[in-house]
Amino acid sequence: MTTPFDSWLFWALLAAAFAALTAIFAKVGIENVNSDFATFIRTIVILLAAGGIVFATGHWQDPLSVSGRTWLFLLLSGLATGASWICYFRALKLGNASLVAPIDKLSVVLVAVFAAVFLGETLSLTSWLGVGLITAGAVVVALGS
């Protein structure tokens, strides 16, 4: 029997909801603090939460069992995440959350392009139309302010 917990869509929708809350909470949270320091605090919270989840679910594994290639790409992913968060918090410090978040979501467009170019993934014409609409929507939101 399949449950919502087995569905990628369920988790993707939760991710989107939490990302939306991230923007709202962060905008309020950075009012009286440097955006880089705010990112540092957020990172500590995430580290503790992720560590707690790994411990609670019993998913800890020996770091030496992880391949060098996996380490490399997880390191690169972590560096990209950190750069994204620093830029995102700086943008929130300087602009309205309702404008920053849609531009940040152009990452959806970039993922589609990068996945096609670097991973060889193929998107249907309908999917590319959706990517184009996301791009157009972000531009309309940005220019509409």
Protein backbone atom coordinates (compact mmCIF):
# COMPACT_ATOMS: atom_id res chain seq x y z
CA MET A 1 0.00 0.00 0.00
CA THR A 2 1.41 3.38 -1.03
CA THR A 3 1.29 6.27 1.41
CA PRO A 4 1.89 9.99 0.80
CA PHE A 5 5.29 9.50 2.46
CA ASP A 6 6.32 7.35 -0.52
CA SER A 7 5.51 10.07 -3.07
CA TRP A 8 8.10 12.50 -4.43
CA LEU A 9 5.26 14.98 -5.03
CA PHE A 10 4.28 14.97 -1.35
CA TRP A 11 7.86 15.81 -0.31
CA ALA A 12 8.28 18.38 -3.09
CA LEU A 13 5.13 20.20 -2.00
CA LEU A 14 6.33 20.18 1.61
CA ALA A 15 9.69 21.55 0.43
CA ALA A 16 7.90 24.37 -1.40
CA ALA A 17 5.79 25.20 1.67
CA PHE A 18 8.84 25.24 3.92
CA ALA A 19 10.76 27.35 1.38
CA ALA A 20 7.92 29.87 1.45
CA LEU A 21 8.01 29.96 5.24
CA THR A 22 11.79 30.36 5.06
CA ALA A 23 11.39 33.59 3.10
CA ILE A 24 8.81 35.02 5.49
CA PHE A 25 10.62 34.00 8.69
CA ALA A 26 13.98 35.15 7.32
CA LYS A 27 12.67 38.55 6.24
CA VAL A 28 11.43 39.20 9.77
CA GLY A 29 14.50 37.60 11.37
CA ILE A 30 17.10 39.71 9.55
CA GLU A 31 15.58 43.08 10.42
CA ASN A 32 18.21 43.91 13.03
CA VAL A 33 21.13 41.63 12.16
CA ASN A 34 23.70 41.32 9.39
CA SER A 35 22.50 38.93 6.69
CA ASP A 36 25.74 36.89 6.76
CA PHE A 37 25.43 36.39 10.52
CA ALA A 38 21.78 35.42 10.05
CA THR A 39 22.88 32.80 7.52
CA PHE A 40 25.41 31.48 10.06
CA ILE A 41 22.68 31.10 12.71
CA ARG A 42 20.38 29.40 10.21
CA THR A 43 23.16 26.99 9.26
CA ILE A 44 23.73 25.98 12.89
CA VAL A 45 20.01 25.30 13.31
CA ILE A 46 19.96 23.18 10.14
CA LEU A 47 23.07 21.26 11.23
CA LEU A 48 21.49 20.43 14.60
CA ALA A 49 18.13 19.52 13.04
CA ALA A 50 19.67 17.30 10.35
CA GLY A 51 21.92 15.64 12.93
CA GLY A 52 18.92 14.99 15.15
CA ILE A 53 16.98 13.45 12.26
CA VAL A 54 19.89 11.20 11.25
CA PHE A 55 20.28 10.07 14.87
CA ALA A 56 16.54 9.60 15.49
CA THR A 57 15.98 7.60 12.30
CA GLY A 58 19.10 5.48 12.71
CA HIS A 59 20.47 6.56 9.33
CA TRP A 60 24.00 7.29 10.52
CA GLN A 61 26.63 5.57 8.42
CA ASP A 62 30.37 5.35 8.59
CA PRO A 63 31.78 8.39 6.72
CA LEU A 64 34.60 6.16 5.46
CA SER A 65 32.02 4.06 3.60
CA VAL A 66 31.17 7.03 1.38
CA SER A 67 33.04 7.15 -1.94
CA GLY A 68 35.39 9.97 -2.83
CA ARG A 69 33.17 10.98 -5.76
CA THR A 70 30.16 11.20 -3.46
CA TRP A 71 32.15 13.30 -0.96
CA LEU A 72 33.26 15.63 -3.77
CA PHE A 73 29.77 16.24 -5.09
CA LEU A 74 28.24 16.60 -1.62
CA LEU A 75 30.99 19.11 -0.79
CA LEU A 76 30.25 21.04 -3.99
CA SER A 77 26.53 20.88 -3.22
CA GLY A 78 27.16 22.21 0.28
CA LEU A 79 29.28 25.07 -1.05
CA ALA A 80 26.59 25.93 -3.61
CA THR A 81 23.93 25.81 -0.88
CA GLY A 82 25.96 28.10 1.36
CA ALA A 83 26.52 30.58 -1.47
CA SER A 84 22.82 30.44 -2.32
CA TRP A 85 21.80 31.11 1.29
CA ILE A 86 24.23 34.00 1.69
CA CYS A 87 22.97 35.60 -1.53
CA TYR A 88 19.33 34.90 -0.62
CA PHE A 89 19.60 36.46 2.83
CA ARG A 90 21.44 39.48 1.40
CA ALA A 91 18.68 39.89 -1.20
CA LEU A 92 16.01 39.62 1.53
CA LYS A 93 17.85 42.23 3.59
CA LEU A 94 17.79 44.61 0.62
CA GLY A 95 14.45 43.80 -1.01
CA ASN A 96 10.90 42.66 -0.43
CA ALA A 97 10.33 38.95 0.15
CA SER A 98 7.54 39.02 -2.45
CA LEU A 99 10.12 40.06 -5.07
CA VAL A 100 13.16 38.12 -3.89
CA ALA A 101 11.45 34.72 -3.65
CA PRO A 102 10.16 34.57 -7.25
CA ILE A 103 13.57 35.53 -8.63
CA ASP A 104 15.19 32.93 -6.37
CA LYS A 105 12.80 30.37 -7.84
CA LEU A 106 14.43 30.90 -11.22
CA SER A 107 16.54 28.09 -9.82
CA VAL A 108 13.76 25.84 -11.18
CA VAL A 109 14.57 27.10 -14.68
CA LEU A 110 18.31 26.68 -14.14
CA VAL A 111 17.85 23.14 -12.80
CA ALA A 112 15.95 22.19 -15.96
CA VAL A 113 18.65 23.66 -18.19
CA PHE A 114 21.56 22.22 -16.16
CA ALA A 115 19.85 18.80 -15.94
CA ALA A 116 19.45 18.74 -19.71
CA VAL A 117 22.99 19.92 -20.42
CA PHE A 118 24.99 18.14 -17.71
CA LEU A 119 22.87 15.11 -16.78
CA GLY A 120 21.40 14.35 -20.20
CA GLU A 121 17.83 14.56 -18.91
CA THR A 122 15.18 15.18 -21.52
CA LEU A 123 12.16 17.36 -20.97
CA SER A 124 9.04 17.25 -23.09
CA LEU A 125 7.88 20.24 -25.08
CA THR A 126 5.18 20.75 -22.46
CA SER A 127 7.81 20.76 -19.69
CA TRP A 128 9.92 23.33 -21.56
CA LEU A 129 6.77 25.44 -21.97
CA GLY A 130 6.34 25.29 -18.19
CA VAL A 131 9.97 26.32 -17.71
CA GLY A 132 9.35 29.26 -20.03
CA LEU A 133 6.23 30.25 -18.11
CA ILE A 134 8.15 30.14 -14.82
CA THR A 135 10.76 32.43 -16.36
CA ALA A 136 8.09 34.80 -17.66
CA GLY A 137 6.32 34.81 -14.31
CA ALA A 138 9.48 35.71 -12.42
CA VAL A 139 10.21 38.53 -14.87
CA VAL A 140 6.64 39.86 -14.61
CA VAL A 141 6.81 39.84 -10.81
CA ALA A 142 10.19 41.58 -10.81
CA LEU A 143 9.18 44.24 -13.33
CA GLY A 144 5.73 44.72 -11.83
CA SER A 145 7.07 46.29 -8.65
